[in-house]
Amino acid sequence: MGFYDDKILPLLIDAGCGAEPIGKQRQKVVPHASGRVLEIGMGSGLNIPFYDPAKIEKVWGLEPSAGMRRRAAPRADRAGFEIEFLDLPGEEIPLDDDSVDTVLLTYTLCTIPDFRSALAQMRRVLKPGGRLLFSEHGAAPDPGVRRWQDRINPLWKKIAGGCNLNRDIPGSLEEAGFRIGKLDTMYLPKTPRIAAFQYWGDATHS
């Protein structure tokens, strides 16, 4: 991992993903997490203040970036519940089958290279009857915006830590065997439209 990825990129992602509109999206989904929780791509710990400690038994924070884990550590220390970091990518979840009550996925699915394998791993560890909570940006429904997403995406990925602008979030979840329950969408305010279209809700599997 180079200097940019280890030192600079965590600062940029922390600033961008910590913007007020995204914080409001996190607030819509994170408090619903309960029991034994697996957070995919914990990053710098921006979700930690939004958990309801009364509902949480333990959180595993999957985060392969050492720079991100360093930034998350102070927030984890103040959490008021147990957080265990897992320094592996989403394609390699070192937990047993049917071992978590909630999988939390916020602004992470866009960056996982083999996201199909990662979603299969999430499904494997999530208990039947458990919930996957998600808030992600992705492919816009408007053709004009989508064309710009497709054009800009190759460059965007290089400068934004592998982030993809144009992934089909609900389609990817359904393809992986999840059944979407609640699904809401909108363009975030005060955000460039190529990165503004949001999907959030929950999903289960049988």
N, C-alpha and C. Protein backbone atom coordinates (compact mmCIF):
# COMPACT_ATOMS: atom_id res chain seq x y z
N MET A 1 0.85 -1.20 0.00
CA MET A 1 0.00 0.00 0.00
C MET A 1 0.88 1.24 0.00
N GLY A 2 0.62 2.16 -0.93
CA GLY A 2 1.44 3.35 -1.06
C GLY A 2 1.05 4.44 -0.09
N PHE A 3 1.84 5.53 -0.11
CA PHE A 3 1.61 6.65 0.80
C PHE A 3 0.23 7.26 0.59
N TYR A 4 -0.17 7.42 -0.69
CA TYR A 4 -1.48 8.01 -0.97
C TYR A 4 -2.60 7.18 -0.36
N ASP A 5 -2.56 5.84 -0.59
CA ASP A 5 -3.62 4.98 -0.10
C ASP A 5 -3.64 4.88 1.42
N ASP A 6 -2.46 4.95 2.05
CA ASP A 6 -2.38 4.74 3.49
C ASP A 6 -2.59 6.03 4.28
N LYS A 7 -2.13 7.16 3.74
CA LYS A 7 -2.15 8.41 4.50
C LYS A 7 -3.14 9.45 3.97
N ILE A 8 -3.15 9.65 2.65
CA ILE A 8 -3.96 10.72 2.06
C ILE A 8 -5.40 10.28 1.84
N LEU A 9 -5.59 9.11 1.22
CA LEU A 9 -6.93 8.67 0.88
C LEU A 9 -7.84 8.53 2.10
N PRO A 10 -7.37 7.98 3.25
CA PRO A 10 -8.25 7.93 4.43
C PRO A 10 -8.76 9.31 4.86
N LEU A 11 -7.91 10.34 4.74
CA LEU A 11 -8.35 11.69 5.09
C LEU A 11 -9.44 12.18 4.14
N LEU A 12 -9.25 11.92 2.84
CA LEU A 12 -10.23 12.37 1.85
C LEU A 12 -11.55 11.65 2.01
N ILE A 13 -11.49 10.32 2.22
CA ILE A 13 -12.72 9.55 2.38
C ILE A 13 -13.44 9.94 3.65
N ASP A 14 -12.68 10.15 4.73
CA ASP A 14 -13.29 10.55 6.00
C ASP A 14 -14.03 11.88 5.84
N ALA A 15 -13.42 12.80 5.11
CA ALA A 15 -14.07 14.11 4.90
C ALA A 15 -15.30 13.98 4.00
N GLY A 16 -15.16 13.24 2.88
CA GLY A 16 -16.27 13.12 1.95
C GLY A 16 -17.43 12.33 2.52
N CYS A 17 -17.12 11.18 3.15
CA CYS A 17 -18.17 10.33 3.70
C CYS A 17 -18.71 10.85 5.02
N GLY A 18 -18.04 11.86 5.58
CA GLY A 18 -18.53 12.47 6.81
C GLY A 18 -19.35 13.72 6.57
N ALA A 19 -19.65 14.02 5.30
CA ALA A 19 -20.45 15.21 4.99
C ALA A 19 -21.85 15.09 5.59
N GLU A 20 -22.45 16.23 5.87
CA GLU A 20 -23.74 16.26 6.56
C GLU A 20 -24.83 15.45 5.85
N PRO A 21 -25.02 15.56 4.51
CA PRO A 21 -26.08 14.78 3.89
C PRO A 21 -25.89 13.27 4.05
N ILE A 22 -24.64 12.82 4.00
CA ILE A 22 -24.39 11.39 4.17
C ILE A 22 -24.61 10.99 5.62
N GLY A 23 -24.24 11.87 6.55
CA GLY A 23 -24.51 11.59 7.95
C GLY A 23 -25.99 11.38 8.21
N LYS A 24 -26.84 12.16 7.56
CA LYS A 24 -28.28 12.00 7.73
C LYS A 24 -28.76 10.65 7.18
N GLN A 25 -28.10 10.18 6.11
CA GLN A 25 -28.45 8.85 5.59
C GLN A 25 -28.04 7.76 6.57
N ARG A 26 -26.86 7.88 7.15
CA ARG A 26 -26.42 6.90 8.14
C ARG A 26 -27.42 6.83 9.30
N GLN A 27 -27.91 7.98 9.70
CA GLN A 27 -28.83 8.05 10.83
C GLN A 27 -30.14 7.32 10.55
N LYS A 28 -30.47 7.15 9.27
CA LYS A 28 -31.70 6.45 8.91
C LYS A 28 -31.60 4.94 9.07
N VAL A 29 -30.38 4.38 8.98
CA VAL A 29 -30.25 2.93 8.96
C VAL A 29 -29.48 2.35 10.15
N VAL A 30 -28.41 3.01 10.58
CA VAL A 30 -27.53 2.42 11.59
C VAL A 30 -28.25 2.13 12.90
N PRO A 31 -29.14 3.01 13.41
CA PRO A 31 -29.79 2.72 14.70
C PRO A 31 -30.64 1.46 14.70
N HIS A 32 -30.96 0.91 13.52
CA HIS A 32 -31.76 -0.31 13.44
C HIS A 32 -30.92 -1.57 13.63
N ALA A 33 -29.61 -1.45 13.64
CA ALA A 33 -28.73 -2.62 13.85
C ALA A 33 -28.91 -3.15 15.25
N SER A 34 -28.88 -4.48 15.38
CA SER A 34 -29.07 -5.07 16.70
C SER A 34 -28.32 -6.40 16.82
N GLY A 35 -28.08 -6.80 18.07
CA GLY A 35 -27.45 -8.08 18.33
C GLY A 35 -25.98 -8.09 17.96
N ARG A 36 -25.57 -9.17 17.32
CA ARG A 36 -24.19 -9.33 16.85
C ARG A 36 -24.13 -8.79 15.43
N VAL A 37 -23.38 -7.72 15.25
CA VAL A 37 -23.40 -6.94 14.01
C VAL A 37 -22.08 -7.07 13.27
N LEU A 38 -22.16 -7.27 11.98
CA LEU A 38 -20.99 -7.21 11.11
C LEU A 38 -21.11 -5.97 10.24
N GLU A 39 -20.22 -5.00 10.45
CA GLU A 39 -20.19 -3.81 9.61
C GLU A 39 -19.13 -4.01 8.54
N ILE A 40 -19.55 -3.96 7.29
CA ILE A 40 -18.66 -4.17 6.16
C ILE A 40 -18.06 -2.83 5.76
N GLY A 41 -16.72 -2.73 5.81
CA GLY A 41 -16.07 -1.48 5.47
C GLY A 41 -16.31 -0.43 6.53
N MET A 42 -15.84 -0.70 7.75
CA MET A 42 -16.06 0.25 8.84
C MET A 42 -15.39 1.58 8.59
N GLY A 43 -14.35 1.59 7.75
CA GLY A 43 -13.68 2.84 7.42
C GLY A 43 -13.13 3.53 8.66
N SER A 44 -13.40 4.80 8.77
CA SER A 44 -12.90 5.59 9.90
C SER A 44 -13.88 5.62 11.07
N GLY A 45 -14.87 4.74 11.04
CA GLY A 45 -15.80 4.64 12.16
C GLY A 45 -16.91 5.66 12.18
N LEU A 46 -17.28 6.18 11.02
CA LEU A 46 -18.30 7.23 10.98
C LEU A 46 -19.67 6.74 11.42
N ASN A 47 -19.92 5.43 11.32
CA ASN A 47 -21.22 4.90 11.77
C ASN A 47 -21.32 4.75 13.28
N ILE A 48 -20.18 4.68 13.95
CA ILE A 48 -20.19 4.30 15.38
C ILE A 48 -21.11 5.18 16.22
N PRO A 49 -21.12 6.49 16.06
CA PRO A 49 -22.00 7.31 16.93
C PRO A 49 -23.49 7.08 16.70
N PHE A 50 -23.85 6.43 15.58
CA PHE A 50 -25.27 6.25 15.26
C PHE A 50 -25.84 4.92 15.77
N TYR A 51 -24.99 4.01 16.24
CA TYR A 51 -25.51 2.77 16.82
C TYR A 51 -26.28 3.08 18.11
N ASP A 52 -27.27 2.26 18.39
CA ASP A 52 -27.98 2.31 19.67
C ASP A 52 -27.32 1.29 20.60
N PRO A 53 -26.51 1.72 21.56
CA PRO A 53 -25.77 0.76 22.39
C PRO A 53 -26.67 -0.24 23.11
N ALA A 54 -27.90 0.16 23.41
CA ALA A 54 -28.81 -0.75 24.12
C ALA A 54 -29.19 -1.96 23.28
N LYS A 55 -29.03 -1.86 21.97
CA LYS A 55 -29.41 -2.95 21.07
C LYS A 55 -28.23 -3.84 20.67
N ILE A 56 -27.01 -3.41 20.99
CA ILE A 56 -25.82 -4.04 20.42
C ILE A 56 -25.18 -4.99 21.42
N GLU A 57 -24.92 -6.22 20.97
CA GLU A 57 -24.13 -7.17 21.74
C GLU A 57 -22.65 -7.03 21.39
N LYS A 58 -22.36 -6.94 20.10
CA LYS A 58 -20.97 -6.81 19.63
C LYS A 58 -21.01 -6.36 18.18
N VAL A 59 -19.98 -5.61 17.78
CA VAL A 59 -19.81 -5.22 16.38
C VAL A 59 -18.46 -5.70 15.90
N TRP A 60 -18.47 -6.43 14.79
CA TRP A 60 -17.23 -6.71 14.06
C TRP A 60 -17.10 -5.66 12.97
N GLY A 61 -16.00 -4.94 12.95
CA GLY A 61 -15.77 -3.92 11.93
C GLY A 61 -14.77 -4.42 10.91
N LEU A 62 -15.26 -4.86 9.76
CA LEU A 62 -14.39 -5.38 8.70
C LEU A 62 -13.79 -4.20 7.95
N GLU A 63 -12.46 -4.05 7.98
CA GLU A 63 -11.80 -2.92 7.34
C GLU A 63 -10.36 -3.29 6.97
N PRO A 64 -10.07 -3.46 5.68
CA PRO A 64 -8.74 -3.88 5.28
C PRO A 64 -7.67 -2.79 5.33
N SER A 65 -8.07 -1.52 5.39
CA SER A 65 -7.11 -0.41 5.35
C SER A 65 -6.59 -0.08 6.74
N ALA A 66 -5.27 -0.19 6.92
CA ALA A 66 -4.67 0.15 8.21
C ALA A 66 -4.87 1.63 8.53
N GLY A 67 -4.80 2.47 7.52
CA GLY A 67 -5.02 3.90 7.73
C GLY A 67 -6.41 4.20 8.23
N MET A 68 -7.39 3.51 7.68
CA MET A 68 -8.77 3.70 8.15
C MET A 68 -8.94 3.18 9.56
N ARG A 69 -8.37 2.03 9.87
CA ARG A 69 -8.50 1.48 11.22
C ARG A 69 -7.88 2.42 12.26
N ARG A 70 -6.76 3.05 11.91
CA ARG A 70 -6.15 4.01 12.84
C ARG A 70 -7.10 5.16 13.12
N ARG A 71 -7.78 5.65 12.08
CA ARG A 71 -8.70 6.77 12.27
C ARG A 71 -9.95 6.34 13.03
N ALA A 72 -10.33 5.07 12.90
CA ALA A 72 -11.53 4.59 13.58
C ALA A 72 -11.29 4.30 15.06
N ALA A 73 -10.04 4.03 15.43
CA ALA A 73 -9.75 3.56 16.79
C ALA A 73 -10.27 4.49 17.89
N PRO A 74 -10.07 5.81 17.82
CA PRO A 74 -10.60 6.68 18.89
C PRO A 74 -12.12 6.62 18.98
N ARG A 75 -12.80 6.54 17.85
CA ARG A 75 -14.26 6.44 17.89
C ARG A 75 -14.69 5.11 18.50
N ALA A 76 -13.97 4.05 18.18
CA ALA A 76 -14.28 2.74 18.76
C ALA A 76 -14.08 2.74 20.27
N ASP A 77 -13.05 3.42 20.74
CA ASP A 77 -12.78 3.48 22.18
C ASP A 77 -13.91 4.17 22.94
N ARG A 78 -14.61 5.07 22.28
CA ARG A 78 -15.69 5.82 22.93
C ARG A 78 -17.08 5.21 22.71
N ALA A 79 -17.12 4.05 22.06
CA ALA A 79 -18.40 3.53 21.57
C ALA A 79 -19.37 3.13 22.67
N GLY A 80 -18.88 2.55 23.75
CA GLY A 80 -19.78 2.06 24.78
C GLY A 80 -20.26 0.64 24.54
N PHE A 81 -19.71 -0.03 23.53
CA PHE A 81 -19.99 -1.44 23.27
C PHE A 81 -18.75 -2.03 22.60
N GLU A 82 -18.69 -3.37 22.55
CA GLU A 82 -17.49 -4.04 22.04
C GLU A 82 -17.40 -3.93 20.51
N ILE A 83 -16.24 -3.50 20.04
CA ILE A 83 -15.95 -3.48 18.61
C ILE A 83 -14.66 -4.25 18.38
N GLU A 84 -14.71 -5.21 17.48
CA GLU A 84 -13.52 -5.97 17.10
C GLU A 84 -13.23 -5.73 15.63
N PHE A 85 -12.05 -5.21 15.33
CA PHE A 85 -11.68 -4.97 13.94
C PHE A 85 -11.22 -6.26 13.26
N LEU A 86 -11.63 -6.42 12.02
CA LEU A 86 -11.19 -7.53 11.18
C LEU A 86 -10.48 -6.93 9.99
N ASP A 87 -9.16 -7.17 9.88
CA ASP A 87 -8.37 -6.49 8.84
C ASP A 87 -8.32 -7.32 7.56
N LEU A 88 -9.52 -7.60 7.03
CA LEU A 88 -9.64 -8.36 5.79
C LEU A 88 -10.65 -7.68 4.88
N PRO A 89 -10.59 -7.95 3.57
CA PRO A 89 -11.57 -7.38 2.65
C PRO A 89 -12.91 -8.09 2.74
N GLY A 90 -13.91 -7.50 2.09
CA GLY A 90 -15.26 -8.04 2.16
C GLY A 90 -15.40 -9.43 1.57
N GLU A 91 -14.49 -9.79 0.66
CA GLU A 91 -14.55 -11.12 0.06
C GLU A 91 -14.08 -12.21 1.02
N GLU A 92 -13.50 -11.82 2.16
CA GLU A 92 -12.93 -12.79 3.10
C GLU A 92 -13.44 -12.48 4.51
N ILE A 93 -14.60 -12.97 4.85
CA ILE A 93 -15.19 -12.70 6.16
C ILE A 93 -14.89 -13.89 7.08
N PRO A 94 -14.06 -13.71 8.11
CA PRO A 94 -13.61 -14.83 8.94
C PRO A 94 -14.58 -15.15 10.08
N LEU A 95 -15.87 -15.28 9.76
CA LEU A 95 -16.88 -15.60 10.76
C LEU A 95 -17.63 -16.86 10.32
N ASP A 96 -18.24 -17.53 11.31
CA ASP A 96 -18.97 -18.77 11.03
C ASP A 96 -20.26 -18.50 10.29
N ASP A 97 -20.76 -19.53 9.63
CA ASP A 97 -22.07 -19.46 8.99
C ASP A 97 -23.14 -19.09 10.02
N ASP A 98 -24.11 -18.29 9.60
CA ASP A 98 -25.28 -17.97 10.43
C ASP A 98 -24.87 -17.44 11.81
N SER A 99 -23.86 -16.58 11.85
CA SER A 99 -23.31 -16.14 13.14
C SER A 99 -23.61 -14.69 13.49
N VAL A 100 -24.23 -13.92 12.60
CA VAL A 100 -24.51 -12.52 12.91
C VAL A 100 -25.99 -12.21 12.71
N ASP A 101 -26.47 -11.28 13.52
CA ASP A 101 -27.88 -10.88 13.45
C ASP A 101 -28.13 -9.78 12.43
N THR A 102 -27.12 -8.92 12.26
CA THR A 102 -27.25 -7.78 11.35
C THR A 102 -25.97 -7.61 10.56
N VAL A 103 -26.10 -7.45 9.27
CA VAL A 103 -24.99 -6.98 8.43
C VAL A 103 -25.28 -5.53 8.06
N LEU A 104 -24.31 -4.67 8.29
CA LEU A 104 -24.47 -3.25 7.98
C LEU A 104 -23.55 -2.88 6.83
N LEU A 105 -24.13 -2.29 5.80
CA LEU A 105 -23.40 -1.99 4.57
C LEU A 105 -23.68 -0.54 4.20
N THR A 106 -22.73 0.36 4.46
CA THR A 106 -22.94 1.78 4.14
C THR A 106 -21.76 2.32 3.34
N TYR A 107 -22.04 2.75 2.13
CA TYR A 107 -21.05 3.39 1.27
C TYR A 107 -19.79 2.54 1.14
N THR A 108 -20.02 1.24 0.93
CA THR A 108 -18.94 0.27 0.83
C THR A 108 -19.06 -0.61 -0.40
N LEU A 109 -20.28 -0.98 -0.77
CA LEU A 109 -20.47 -1.89 -1.89
C LEU A 109 -19.87 -1.33 -3.18
N CYS A 110 -19.80 -0.02 -3.26
CA CYS A 110 -19.24 0.62 -4.46
C CYS A 110 -17.74 0.36 -4.61
N THR A 111 -17.05 0.03 -3.52
CA THR A 111 -15.59 -0.06 -3.57
C THR A 111 -15.05 -1.49 -3.59
N ILE A 112 -15.88 -2.48 -3.27
CA ILE A 112 -15.38 -3.86 -3.18
C ILE A 112 -15.15 -4.40 -4.59
N PRO A 113 -13.92 -4.80 -4.92
CA PRO A 113 -13.64 -5.27 -6.28
C PRO A 113 -14.54 -6.43 -6.71
N ASP A 114 -14.53 -7.52 -5.95
CA ASP A 114 -15.37 -8.67 -6.26
C ASP A 114 -16.60 -8.62 -5.36
N PHE A 115 -17.49 -7.68 -5.66
CA PHE A 115 -18.63 -7.46 -4.77
C PHE A 115 -19.60 -8.64 -4.75
N ARG A 116 -19.64 -9.42 -5.81
CA ARG A 116 -20.53 -10.59 -5.82
C ARG A 116 -20.06 -11.62 -4.79
N SER A 117 -18.76 -11.88 -4.75
CA SER A 117 -18.23 -12.80 -3.74
C SER A 117 -18.45 -12.25 -2.34
N ALA A 118 -18.28 -10.93 -2.17
CA ALA A 118 -18.48 -10.32 -0.86
C ALA A 118 -19.93 -10.46 -0.40
N LEU A 119 -20.88 -10.25 -1.30
CA LEU A 119 -22.29 -10.40 -0.94
C LEU A 119 -22.62 -11.85 -0.59
N ALA A 120 -22.00 -12.80 -1.29
CA ALA A 120 -22.20 -14.21 -0.96
C ALA A 120 -21.69 -14.50 0.45
N GLN A 121 -20.56 -13.89 0.83
CA GLN A 121 -20.03 -14.05 2.18
C GLN A 121 -20.96 -13.43 3.22
N MET A 122 -21.51 -12.27 2.91
CA MET A 122 -22.45 -11.63 3.83
C MET A 122 -23.68 -12.51 4.04
N ARG A 123 -24.17 -13.09 2.98
CA ARG A 123 -25.33 -13.98 3.07
C ARG A 123 -24.99 -15.22 3.89
N ARG A 124 -23.77 -15.71 3.74
CA ARG A 124 -23.34 -16.91 4.47
C ARG A 124 -23.35 -16.67 5.98
N VAL A 125 -22.85 -15.53 6.42
CA VAL A 125 -22.71 -15.31 7.86
C VAL A 125 -23.98 -14.76 8.51
N LEU A 126 -24.92 -14.24 7.71
CA LEU A 126 -26.15 -13.67 8.27
C LEU A 126 -27.12 -14.78 8.62
N LYS A 127 -27.63 -14.76 9.84
CA LYS A 127 -28.60 -15.76 10.28
C LYS A 127 -29.88 -15.68 9.45
N PRO A 128 -30.52 -16.81 9.20
CA PRO A 128 -31.88 -16.74 8.63
C PRO A 128 -32.77 -15.90 9.55
N GLY A 129 -33.46 -14.97 8.98
CA GLY A 129 -34.25 -14.04 9.78
C GLY A 129 -33.51 -12.80 10.20
N GLY A 130 -32.17 -12.79 10.03
CA GLY A 130 -31.39 -11.58 10.28
C GLY A 130 -31.60 -10.57 9.17
N ARG A 131 -31.04 -9.38 9.37
CA ARG A 131 -31.27 -8.32 8.39
C ARG A 131 -29.95 -7.74 7.88
N LEU A 132 -29.92 -7.46 6.60
CA LEU A 132 -28.88 -6.64 6.01
C LEU A 132 -29.43 -5.23 5.89
N LEU A 133 -28.80 -4.28 6.55
CA LEU A 133 -29.17 -2.87 6.46
C LEU A 133 -28.20 -2.19 5.51
N PHE A 134 -28.70 -1.38 4.60
CA PHE A 134 -27.80 -0.77 3.61
C PHE A 134 -28.17 0.68 3.33
N SER A 135 -27.15 1.45 3.06
CA SER A 135 -27.28 2.80 2.52
C SER A 135 -26.11 2.99 1.58
N GLU A 136 -26.39 3.08 0.29
CA GLU A 136 -25.34 3.10 -0.72
C GLU A 136 -25.70 4.09 -1.82
N HIS A 137 -24.69 4.63 -2.46
CA HIS A 137 -24.94 5.40 -3.69
C HIS A 137 -24.72 4.47 -4.87
N GLY A 138 -25.34 4.80 -6.00
CA GLY A 138 -25.19 3.91 -7.14
C GLY A 138 -25.77 4.50 -8.41
N ALA A 139 -26.10 3.59 -9.32
CA ALA A 139 -26.57 3.98 -10.64
C ALA A 139 -27.82 4.85 -10.55
N ALA A 140 -27.80 5.98 -11.23
CA ALA A 140 -28.94 6.90 -11.23
C ALA A 140 -29.98 6.44 -12.24
N PRO A 141 -31.26 6.73 -11.99
CA PRO A 141 -32.31 6.33 -12.92
C PRO A 141 -32.42 7.24 -14.14
N ASP A 142 -31.87 8.45 -14.06
CA ASP A 142 -31.99 9.40 -15.17
C ASP A 142 -30.93 9.12 -16.22
N PRO A 143 -31.32 8.91 -17.48
CA PRO A 143 -30.35 8.53 -18.50
C PRO A 143 -29.17 9.49 -18.64
N GLY A 144 -29.44 10.79 -18.53
CA GLY A 144 -28.36 11.76 -18.67
C GLY A 144 -27.33 11.64 -17.57
N VAL A 145 -27.79 11.50 -16.34
CA VAL A 145 -26.87 11.33 -15.21
C VAL A 145 -26.13 10.02 -15.34
N ARG A 146 -26.84 8.97 -15.75
CA ARG A 146 -26.21 7.65 -15.86
C ARG A 146 -25.12 7.66 -16.93
N ARG A 147 -25.33 8.36 -18.02
CA ARG A 147 -24.28 8.43 -19.06
C ARG A 147 -23.02 9.07 -18.50
N TRP A 148 -23.18 10.14 -17.70
CA TRP A 148 -22.02 10.78 -17.10
C TRP A 148 -21.35 9.88 -16.07
N GLN A 149 -22.15 9.14 -15.32
CA GLN A 149 -21.56 8.18 -14.39
C GLN A 149 -20.68 7.17 -15.13
N ASP A 150 -21.19 6.64 -16.23
CA ASP A 150 -20.44 5.65 -16.99
C ASP A 150 -19.17 6.25 -17.60
N ARG A 151 -19.25 7.50 -18.05
CA ARG A 151 -18.08 8.14 -18.64
C ARG A 151 -16.98 8.41 -17.62
N ILE A 152 -17.39 8.91 -16.48
CA ILE A 152 -16.43 9.36 -15.47
C ILE A 152 -15.91 8.22 -14.61
N ASN A 153 -16.63 7.12 -14.56
CA ASN A 153 -16.31 6.06 -13.61
C ASN A 153 -14.86 5.57 -13.66
N PRO A 154 -14.26 5.33 -14.84
CA PRO A 154 -12.88 4.83 -14.84
C PRO A 154 -11.90 5.76 -14.11
N LEU A 155 -12.01 7.06 -14.33
CA LEU A 155 -11.15 8.02 -13.64
C LEU A 155 -11.51 8.12 -12.17
N TRP A 156 -12.80 8.15 -11.89
CA TRP A 156 -13.26 8.26 -10.50
C TRP A 156 -12.69 7.13 -9.65
N LYS A 157 -12.72 5.91 -10.18
CA LYS A 157 -12.22 4.75 -9.43
C LYS A 157 -10.76 4.95 -9.02
N LYS A 158 -9.96 5.54 -9.90
CA LYS A 158 -8.53 5.70 -9.64
C LYS A 158 -8.26 6.69 -8.51
N ILE A 159 -9.06 7.73 -8.42
CA ILE A 159 -8.77 8.77 -7.43
C ILE A 159 -9.59 8.61 -6.15
N ALA A 160 -10.60 7.72 -6.17
CA ALA A 160 -11.52 7.61 -5.03
C ALA A 160 -11.46 6.24 -4.37
N GLY A 161 -10.30 5.61 -4.38
CA GLY A 161 -10.14 4.36 -3.64
C GLY A 161 -10.92 3.19 -4.19
N GLY A 162 -11.14 3.17 -5.52
CA GLY A 162 -11.86 2.07 -6.13
C GLY A 162 -13.36 2.23 -6.15
N CYS A 163 -13.87 3.39 -5.73
CA CYS A 163 -15.31 3.64 -5.70
C CYS A 163 -15.89 3.64 -7.12
N ASN A 164 -16.99 2.94 -7.30
CA ASN A 164 -17.73 2.93 -8.56
C ASN A 164 -18.99 3.76 -8.43
N LEU A 165 -19.26 4.59 -9.41
CA LEU A 165 -20.43 5.46 -9.38
C LEU A 165 -21.71 4.77 -9.84
N ASN A 166 -21.57 3.69 -10.61
CA ASN A 166 -22.70 3.21 -11.41
C ASN A 166 -23.13 1.78 -11.11
N ARG A 167 -22.91 1.29 -9.90
CA ARG A 167 -23.35 -0.06 -9.58
C ARG A 167 -24.86 -0.10 -9.29
N ASP A 168 -25.48 -1.18 -9.73
CA ASP A 168 -26.91 -1.41 -9.51
C ASP A 168 -27.06 -2.03 -8.13
N ILE A 169 -27.37 -1.23 -7.13
CA ILE A 169 -27.39 -1.70 -5.75
C ILE A 169 -28.51 -2.72 -5.51
N PRO A 170 -29.78 -2.40 -5.77
CA PRO A 170 -30.82 -3.41 -5.51
C PRO A 170 -30.65 -4.66 -6.37
N GLY A 171 -30.26 -4.48 -7.62
CA GLY A 171 -30.05 -5.63 -8.49
C GLY A 171 -28.95 -6.54 -7.98
N SER A 172 -27.88 -5.97 -7.46
CA SER A 172 -26.77 -6.75 -6.92
C SER A 172 -27.21 -7.54 -5.69
N LEU A 173 -27.99 -6.91 -4.81
CA LEU A 173 -28.47 -7.60 -3.62
C LEU A 173 -29.38 -8.76 -3.98
N GLU A 174 -30.28 -8.55 -4.89
CA GLU A 174 -31.21 -9.60 -5.30
C GLU A 174 -30.48 -10.73 -6.00
N GLU A 175 -29.51 -10.41 -6.83
CA GLU A 175 -28.72 -11.43 -7.52
C GLU A 175 -27.98 -12.32 -6.52
N ALA A 176 -27.60 -11.75 -5.38
CA ALA A 176 -26.86 -12.49 -4.35
C ALA A 176 -27.78 -13.34 -3.47
N GLY A 177 -29.08 -13.28 -3.69
CA GLY A 177 -30.01 -14.09 -2.92
C GLY A 177 -30.68 -13.37 -1.77
N PHE A 178 -30.54 -12.06 -1.70
CA PHE A 178 -31.23 -11.29 -0.67
C PHE A 178 -32.61 -10.88 -1.17
N ARG A 179 -33.53 -10.79 -0.25
CA ARG A 179 -34.89 -10.34 -0.56
C ARG A 179 -35.07 -8.97 0.07
N ILE A 180 -35.21 -7.96 -0.77
CA ILE A 180 -35.31 -6.59 -0.28
C ILE A 180 -36.68 -6.36 0.34
N GLY A 181 -36.66 -5.82 1.56
CA GLY A 181 -37.90 -5.48 2.23
C GLY A 181 -38.25 -4.03 1.96
N LYS A 182 -37.60 -3.14 2.69
CA LYS A 182 -37.81 -1.71 2.48
C LYS A 182 -36.74 -1.17 1.54
N LEU A 183 -37.14 -0.31 0.61
CA LEU A 183 -36.19 0.33 -0.29
C LEU A 183 -36.66 1.76 -0.55
N ASP A 184 -35.80 2.73 -0.23
CA ASP A 184 -36.05 4.13 -0.52
C ASP A 184 -34.93 4.66 -1.40
N THR A 185 -35.23 5.68 -2.17
CA THR A 185 -34.23 6.28 -3.07
C THR A 185 -34.41 7.79 -3.10
N MET A 186 -33.32 8.47 -3.39
CA MET A 186 -33.37 9.92 -3.59
C MET A 186 -32.01 10.41 -4.07
N TYR A 187 -31.98 11.62 -4.61
CA TYR A 187 -30.73 12.33 -4.85
C TYR A 187 -30.39 13.12 -3.58
N LEU A 188 -29.19 12.96 -3.10
CA LEU A 188 -28.76 13.75 -1.95
C LEU A 188 -28.62 15.22 -2.32
N PRO A 189 -29.03 16.12 -1.46
CA PRO A 189 -28.78 17.55 -1.70
C PRO A 189 -27.31 17.87 -1.49
N LYS A 190 -26.88 18.96 -2.06
CA LYS A 190 -25.52 19.49 -1.87
C LYS A 190 -24.45 18.47 -2.27
N THR A 191 -24.76 17.65 -3.27
CA THR A 191 -23.86 16.59 -3.70
C THR A 191 -23.86 16.54 -5.22
N PRO A 192 -22.68 16.40 -5.87
CA PRO A 192 -22.66 16.27 -7.32
C PRO A 192 -23.57 15.12 -7.77
N ARG A 193 -24.39 15.36 -8.79
CA ARG A 193 -25.42 14.39 -9.16
C ARG A 193 -24.84 13.06 -9.59
N ILE A 194 -23.62 13.05 -10.10
CA ILE A 194 -23.04 11.77 -10.51
C ILE A 194 -22.80 10.84 -9.32
N ALA A 195 -22.73 11.40 -8.11
CA ALA A 195 -22.50 10.59 -6.91
C ALA A 195 -23.62 10.74 -5.90
N ALA A 196 -24.76 11.28 -6.32
CA ALA A 196 -25.80 11.69 -5.36
C ALA A 196 -26.95 10.72 -5.21
N PHE A 197 -27.11 9.77 -6.15
CA PHE A 197 -28.32 8.94 -6.08
C PHE A 197 -28.13 7.85 -5.03
N GLN A 198 -29.07 7.81 -4.07
CA GLN A 198 -28.96 6.95 -2.89
C GLN A 198 -30.01 5.85 -2.90
N TYR A 199 -29.58 4.68 -2.41
CA TYR A 199 -30.48 3.58 -2.13
C TYR A 199 -30.32 3.22 -0.66
N TRP A 200 -31.40 3.07 0.08
CA TRP A 200 -31.26 2.62 1.46
C TRP A 200 -32.49 1.81 1.87
N GLY A 201 -32.26 0.88 2.81
CA GLY A 201 -33.34 0.03 3.26
C GLY A 201 -32.82 -1.20 3.97
N ASP A 202 -33.55 -2.31 3.83
CA ASP A 202 -33.12 -3.55 4.47
C ASP A 202 -33.45 -4.73 3.57
N ALA A 203 -32.81 -5.87 3.89
CA ALA A 203 -33.00 -7.09 3.12
C ALA A 203 -32.79 -8.28 4.04
N THR A 204 -33.39 -9.40 3.65
CA THR A 204 -33.24 -10.66 4.38
C THR A 204 -32.92 -11.76 3.39
N HIS A 205 -32.66 -12.96 3.93
CA HIS A 205 -32.56 -14.13 3.07
C HIS A 205 -33.20 -15.31 3.78
N SER A 206 -33.63 -16.28 2.99
CA SER A 206 -34.31 -17.44 3.57
C SER A 206 -33.29 -18.47 4.04
